[in-house]
Amino acid sequence: MRIIVAGTPEVALPPAEAIHASSHEIIAVLTRPDAVSGRGRKISRSPLAQWADERGIPVYQPAKPGDPEFLEQLKELAPDCVAVIAYGALVPQRALDIPRLGWINLHFSVLPAWRGAAPAQRSLMAGEEVTGASVFQLEKGLDTGPVYGVMTQTIRPRDTAGDLLDKLAEGGSGLMVAVLDGLEAGEMEARPQPEEGVSLAPKITVEEAEVDWTQNAVAIDRRVRGCTPAPGAWTTFRGARLGLGPVEPLTDVEPLAPGELRVLKKAVHVGTGTAAVALGEVRPAGKKAMAAVDWARGARPADGEKLGADPASEGAS
């Protein structure tokens, strides 16, 4: 079949490569417009656009997939199907109607759980032990279309959102190709999603990624891993933002007040609402990530000094 692959971040690359290696023909890539990024504020192309450039595949980057110019281009391309992996834009019905077999989406949850932009992140933060990926028919509603196939994936105790997305992208690649094969053969039937078990997974905001040290250690551990690598968990130290890599809940250590720091020879502990956690990597503002012990060696936290807002001091004058 003649396929357009729609996607933007690195997680779209394994499924794109799997389709490219299959019997189907990728006639074009649809991705988000080039954007300014990094400290140098340079214009950069999306990972999927770069992947397509390297293979000589035409790239389309409309501001919106409903733009009249792009709709005309889509009609001229006449794809059999558009395969979507983390494209990052809502597709209007007038675009959905153009391909003969519509648009199918590889979504990183077992639908109807975690509909939205951050399914893997939300399932990890919720403490689930198993998640998965679904290939479904894209329609106007938010991830509401009928499902062609599902795979499941165990969430390991120390997985970050990045780890989980990598595994789902790899595992979901075969599922996507299998669905395309079935559609081509006329043997694939989509089933409506169950009405029960619906949950939403909105994008995680920077504000939401701030750690509240009064929460229990398990919840903090899950939140930090769910925000790694993006948007990145953080706290404050002496009024400045401090980025956080994954932490490790501890047992059988002396308790600390929420946010209270204890610097040891080979570790930095922080108090929570329950047990303490050990910091992994930290990222001081404007600096690269470093081991917490190296950061503490330079910052020299005083005894009893805390990360984050101190509830006892809020509102003090």
Protein backbone atom coordinates (compact mmCIF):
# COMPACT_ATOMS: atom_id res chain seq x y z
CA MET A 1 0.00 0.00 0.00
CA ARG A 2 0.93 3.64 -0.44
CA ILE A 3 1.49 4.98 3.07
CA ILE A 4 2.07 8.43 4.55
CA VAL A 5 3.72 8.32 7.98
CA ALA A 6 2.66 11.14 10.31
CA GLY A 7 4.77 11.74 13.40
CA THR A 8 7.24 14.08 15.04
CA PRO A 9 9.48 12.88 17.94
CA GLU A 10 12.07 10.12 18.13
CA VAL A 11 9.47 7.65 19.36
CA ALA A 12 8.00 7.72 15.83
CA LEU A 13 11.23 6.38 14.28
CA PRO A 14 11.02 2.63 15.09
CA PRO A 15 7.49 2.28 13.61
CA ALA A 16 8.49 4.38 10.60
CA GLU A 17 11.53 2.16 10.04
CA ALA A 18 9.39 -0.97 10.36
CA ILE A 19 6.94 0.30 7.75
CA HIS A 20 9.85 1.33 5.51
CA ALA A 21 11.25 -2.22 5.74
CA SER A 22 7.86 -3.82 5.01
CA SER A 23 6.12 -4.46 1.69
CA HIS A 24 4.38 -1.08 1.97
CA GLU A 25 5.66 2.08 0.29
CA ILE A 26 6.15 5.27 2.30
CA ILE A 27 5.31 7.98 -0.23
CA ALA A 28 5.67 10.93 2.18
CA VAL A 29 6.14 11.96 5.78
CA LEU A 30 3.87 14.42 7.59
CA THR A 31 5.42 16.15 10.57
CA ARG A 32 5.28 19.36 12.60
CA PRO A 33 6.96 22.52 11.22
CA ASP A 34 10.61 23.21 12.00
CA ALA A 35 10.93 24.83 15.41
CA VAL A 36 13.36 26.94 17.40
CA SER A 37 15.05 24.93 20.17
CA GLY A 38 18.08 24.78 22.43
CA ARG A 39 20.10 27.51 24.10
CA GLY A 40 21.33 28.74 20.74
CA ARG A 41 17.71 29.15 19.57
CA LYS A 42 18.50 27.33 16.34
CA ILE A 43 15.90 26.13 13.88
CA SER A 44 15.69 22.34 14.02
CA ARG A 45 13.73 19.74 12.08
CA SER A 46 11.77 17.06 13.85
CA PRO A 47 13.43 13.64 14.29
CA LEU A 48 10.99 12.12 11.79
CA ALA A 49 11.73 14.85 9.23
CA GLN A 50 15.45 14.17 9.58
CA TRP A 51 14.81 10.44 9.18
CA ALA A 52 12.87 11.09 5.97
CA ASP A 53 15.53 13.48 4.63
CA GLU A 54 18.17 10.76 5.02
CA ARG A 55 16.06 8.38 2.92
CA GLY A 56 14.94 10.84 0.26
CA ILE A 57 11.30 10.68 1.34
CA PRO A 58 9.26 13.89 0.72
CA VAL A 59 8.36 15.80 3.89
CA TYR A 60 5.21 17.88 4.42
CA GLN A 61 5.00 20.32 7.34
CA PRO A 62 1.72 22.24 7.32
CA ALA A 63 0.99 24.49 10.29
CA LYS A 64 -2.27 22.53 10.59
CA PRO A 65 -3.28 19.32 8.78
CA GLY A 66 -6.53 21.05 7.82
CA ASP A 67 -4.80 23.83 5.85
CA PRO A 68 -6.39 24.02 2.35
CA GLU A 69 -3.02 23.82 0.60
CA PHE A 70 -2.09 20.62 2.43
CA LEU A 71 -5.50 19.07 1.81
CA GLU A 72 -4.96 19.55 -1.93
CA GLN A 73 -1.48 18.00 -1.62
CA LEU A 74 -2.97 15.06 0.30
CA LYS A 75 -5.51 14.48 -2.47
CA GLU A 76 -2.76 14.54 -5.09
CA LEU A 77 -0.64 12.06 -3.11
CA ALA A 78 -3.65 9.71 -2.94
CA PRO A 79 -2.39 7.53 -0.07
CA ASP A 80 -4.15 4.32 0.81
CA CYS A 81 -3.62 5.05 4.49
CA VAL A 82 -1.91 7.48 6.86
CA ALA A 83 -0.05 5.79 9.74
CA VAL A 84 0.18 8.10 12.77
CA ILE A 85 2.71 7.88 15.61
CA ALA A 86 2.82 10.87 18.00
CA TYR A 87 2.13 13.45 15.29
CA GLY A 88 1.09 16.15 17.77
CA ALA A 89 -1.84 17.85 16.02
CA LEU A 90 -5.57 17.24 15.76
CA VAL A 91 -6.65 16.00 12.34
CA PRO A 92 -9.96 17.41 11.02
CA GLN A 93 -12.58 15.20 9.40
CA ARG A 94 -11.95 16.65 5.93
CA ALA A 95 -8.38 15.31 6.14
CA LEU A 96 -9.42 12.00 7.69
CA ASP A 97 -11.75 11.35 4.75
CA ILE A 98 -9.11 11.59 1.99
CA PRO A 99 -7.12 8.32 2.30
CA ARG A 100 -8.98 5.25 1.07
CA LEU A 101 -8.49 3.45 4.41
CA GLY A 102 -8.36 6.53 6.61
CA TRP A 103 -5.76 7.31 9.27
CA ILE A 104 -4.64 4.70 11.81
CA ASN A 105 -2.89 5.69 15.02
CA LEU A 106 -0.35 3.82 17.18
CA HIS A 107 -1.23 4.98 20.69
CA PHE A 108 0.86 4.07 23.73
CA SER A 109 -1.82 2.65 26.03
CA VAL A 110 -4.40 -0.10 26.08
CA LEU A 111 -7.41 1.94 25.04
CA PRO A 112 -9.74 3.25 26.40
CA ALA A 113 -7.23 3.82 29.22
CA TRP A 114 -5.12 6.96 29.03
CA ARG A 115 -6.54 8.79 26.05
CA GLY A 116 -4.45 11.87 25.33
CA ALA A 117 -0.95 13.18 24.84
CA ALA A 118 0.93 11.48 27.71
CA PRO A 119 -0.40 7.92 28.11
CA ALA A 120 2.86 6.18 29.04
CA GLN A 121 3.78 8.94 31.48
CA ARG A 122 0.38 8.85 33.19
CA SER A 123 0.27 5.06 33.50
CA LEU A 124 3.71 5.09 35.12
CA MET A 125 2.78 7.90 37.51
CA ALA A 126 -0.40 6.03 38.45
CA GLY A 127 1.68 3.06 39.55
CA GLU A 128 0.38 0.60 36.97
CA GLU A 129 2.37 -2.59 36.45
CA VAL A 130 1.24 -3.28 32.88
CA THR A 131 0.49 -0.95 29.98
CA GLY A 132 0.64 -1.41 26.23
CA ALA A 133 -0.04 0.04 22.80
CA SER A 134 -3.12 0.11 20.56
CA VAL A 135 -3.57 0.68 16.84
CA PHE A 136 -6.93 2.29 16.19
CA GLN A 137 -8.85 4.13 13.49
CA LEU A 138 -8.42 7.84 13.95
CA GLU A 139 -11.65 9.82 14.18
CA LYS A 140 -12.65 13.30 15.31
CA GLY A 141 -12.86 12.41 19.03
CA LEU A 142 -9.78 12.26 21.26
CA ASP A 143 -8.43 8.71 20.82
CA THR A 144 -11.97 7.33 20.70
CA GLY A 145 -11.85 5.34 17.44
CA PRO A 146 -12.34 1.58 17.05
CA VAL A 147 -9.29 -0.58 17.78
CA TYR A 148 -7.59 -2.98 15.32
CA GLY A 149 -5.04 -4.52 17.66
CA VAL A 150 -3.36 -4.30 21.06
CA MET A 151 -0.05 -5.34 22.63
CA THR A 152 0.85 -5.28 26.33
CA GLN A 153 4.07 -4.30 28.08
CA THR A 154 5.23 -4.83 31.67
CA ILE A 155 6.35 -1.70 33.49
CA ARG A 156 9.58 -2.40 35.37
CA PRO A 157 10.08 -0.88 38.85
CA ARG A 158 12.77 1.57 37.69
CA ASP A 159 11.44 2.41 34.22
CA THR A 160 11.29 6.08 33.29
CA ALA A 161 8.77 7.43 30.81
CA GLY A 162 11.56 7.47 28.23
CA ASP A 163 12.38 3.81 28.86
CA LEU A 164 8.73 2.83 28.59
CA LEU A 165 8.12 4.80 25.40
CA ASP A 166 11.17 3.21 23.78
CA LYS A 167 9.84 -0.28 24.56
CA LEU A 168 6.33 0.57 23.38
CA ALA A 169 7.64 2.08 20.14
CA GLU A 170 9.67 -1.03 19.40
CA GLY A 171 6.89 -3.44 20.32
CA GLY A 172 4.23 -1.32 18.62
CA SER A 173 6.15 -1.30 15.34
CA GLY A 174 5.26 -4.90 14.59
CA LEU A 175 1.67 -4.27 15.58
CA MET A 176 1.42 -1.31 13.20
CA VAL A 177 2.81 -3.29 10.27
CA ALA A 178 0.52 -6.24 11.06
CA VAL A 179 -2.51 -3.94 10.98
CA LEU A 180 -1.40 -2.41 7.66
CA ASP A 181 -0.93 -5.92 6.23
CA GLY A 182 -4.41 -6.88 7.42
CA LEU A 183 -5.99 -3.76 5.96
CA GLU A 184 -4.34 -4.43 2.61
CA ALA A 185 -5.67 -7.98 2.62
CA GLY A 186 -9.14 -6.87 3.66
CA GLU A 187 -8.93 -9.10 6.74
CA MET A 188 -8.73 -6.47 9.50
CA GLU A 189 -11.81 -5.52 11.52
CA ALA A 190 -11.80 -2.76 14.13
CA ARG A 191 -13.75 -3.18 17.36
CA PRO A 192 -15.36 -0.29 19.29
CA GLN A 193 -13.63 0.67 22.51
CA PRO A 194 -15.32 -0.43 25.76
CA GLU A 195 -17.39 2.23 27.47
CA GLU A 196 -15.86 1.33 30.82
CA GLY A 197 -12.30 2.03 31.89
CA VAL A 198 -11.88 5.40 30.20
CA SER A 199 -9.10 7.59 31.64
CA LEU A 200 -7.43 10.71 30.29
CA ALA A 201 -3.73 11.50 29.86
CA PRO A 202 -3.26 15.22 29.24
CA LYS A 203 0.20 16.57 28.54
CA ILE A 204 2.29 16.99 31.69
CA THR A 205 2.96 20.66 32.37
CA VAL A 206 6.17 22.08 33.79
CA GLU A 207 4.20 23.20 36.85
CA GLU A 208 2.93 19.66 37.41
CA ALA A 209 6.49 18.34 37.25
CA GLU A 210 7.47 20.19 40.45
CA VAL A 211 8.04 17.74 43.29
CA ASP A 212 6.00 18.15 46.47
CA TRP A 213 8.22 16.69 49.17
CA THR A 214 5.28 16.26 51.56
CA GLN A 215 3.99 13.44 49.35
CA ASN A 216 5.01 9.87 50.12
CA ALA A 217 8.27 8.49 48.74
CA VAL A 218 6.58 6.08 46.32
CA ALA A 219 4.45 8.83 44.75
CA ILE A 220 7.49 11.10 44.38
CA ASP A 221 9.51 8.30 42.79
CA ARG A 222 6.72 7.66 40.26
CA ARG A 223 6.26 11.34 39.49
CA VAL A 224 9.96 11.90 38.81
CA ARG A 225 10.23 8.81 36.59
CA GLY A 226 7.03 9.80 34.77
CA CYS A 227 8.51 13.22 34.00
CA THR A 228 11.85 11.81 32.77
CA PRO A 229 13.11 12.89 30.30
CA ALA A 230 10.35 15.43 29.56
CA PRO A 231 9.25 17.84 30.84
CA GLY A 232 11.75 16.97 33.59
CA ALA A 233 10.96 16.86 37.31
CA TRP A 234 12.26 19.74 39.40
CA THR A 235 12.38 21.37 42.79
CA THR A 236 14.02 24.51 44.17
CA PHE A 237 17.13 25.06 46.27
CA ARG A 238 17.88 28.49 47.73
CA GLY A 239 15.25 29.96 45.43
CA ALA A 240 16.69 28.57 42.19
CA ARG A 241 15.30 25.70 40.15
CA LEU A 242 17.02 22.33 40.48
CA GLY A 243 16.20 19.64 37.91
CA LEU A 244 15.85 16.09 39.18
CA GLY A 245 16.65 12.74 37.63
CA PRO A 246 15.08 9.57 39.04
CA VAL A 247 15.26 9.14 42.82
CA GLU A 248 15.40 5.92 44.85
CA PRO A 249 13.07 5.31 47.82
CA LEU A 250 15.04 4.14 50.86
CA THR A 251 14.34 1.84 53.78
CA ASP A 252 16.01 1.58 57.17
CA VAL A 253 17.50 5.08 57.11
CA GLU A 254 17.06 7.86 59.63
CA PRO A 255 13.85 9.81 58.85
CA LEU A 256 14.02 13.39 57.58
CA ALA A 257 11.48 16.17 57.41
CA PRO A 258 9.91 16.72 53.95
CA GLY A 259 12.54 18.32 51.71
CA GLU A 260 15.28 18.12 54.34
CA LEU A 261 18.72 17.28 52.93
CA ARG A 262 21.31 14.96 54.40
CA VAL A 263 24.66 14.81 52.60
CA LEU A 264 26.63 11.60 53.06
CA LYS A 265 29.99 10.63 51.62
CA LYS A 266 28.49 8.76 48.66
CA ALA A 267 24.83 9.82 48.65
CA VAL A 268 22.40 12.68 49.14
CA HIS A 269 19.14 11.87 50.93
CA VAL A 270 15.96 13.97 50.96
CA GLY A 271 13.01 13.65 53.31
CA THR A 272 9.47 13.06 52.05
CA GLY A 273 6.10 12.59 53.71
CA THR A 274 7.19 9.04 54.52
CA ALA A 275 10.66 7.51 54.00
CA ALA A 276 13.64 9.39 52.60
CA VAL A 277 14.77 9.09 48.99
CA ALA A 278 18.26 9.19 47.49
CA LEU A 279 18.85 11.75 44.76
CA GLY A 280 20.33 10.52 41.50
CA GLU A 281 21.37 13.14 38.98
CA VAL A 282 20.48 16.80 39.47
CA ARG A 283 20.58 19.74 37.06
CA PRO A 284 21.34 23.16 38.56
CA ALA A 285 19.93 26.06 36.55
CA GLY A 286 22.11 26.78 33.52
CA LYS A 287 24.37 23.76 34.10
CA LYS A 288 24.62 20.19 32.88
CA ALA A 289 23.29 17.23 34.84
CA MET A 290 25.64 15.89 37.51
CA ALA A 291 25.65 13.32 40.28
CA ALA A 292 23.91 14.59 43.42
CA VAL A 293 27.06 14.09 45.52
CA ASP A 294 29.05 16.28 43.12
CA TRP A 295 26.37 18.96 43.27
CA ALA A 296 26.33 18.85 47.08
CA ARG A 297 30.10 19.13 47.19
CA GLY A 298 29.82 22.51 45.48
CA ALA A 299 26.52 23.74 46.95
CA ARG A 300 27.43 22.71 50.52
CA PRO A 301 23.90 22.45 51.99
CA ALA A 302 23.79 23.37 55.66
CA ASP A 303 22.40 20.96 58.26
CA GLY A 304 18.61 21.07 58.09
CA GLU A 305 18.53 22.94 54.77
CA LYS A 306 15.65 21.92 52.51
CA LEU A 307 14.65 21.48 48.91
CA GLY A 308 11.41 23.07 47.74
CA ALA A 309 9.04 25.38 49.52
CA ASP A 310 9.02 25.10 53.30
CA PRO A 311 5.33 25.04 54.36
CA ALA A 312 6.27 26.47 57.75
CA SER A 313 7.78 29.57 56.13
CA GLU A 314 5.10 30.27 53.53
CA GLY A 315 3.39 33.58 54.14
CA ALA A 316 6.04 34.71 56.63
CA SER A 317 7.13 38.32 56.43
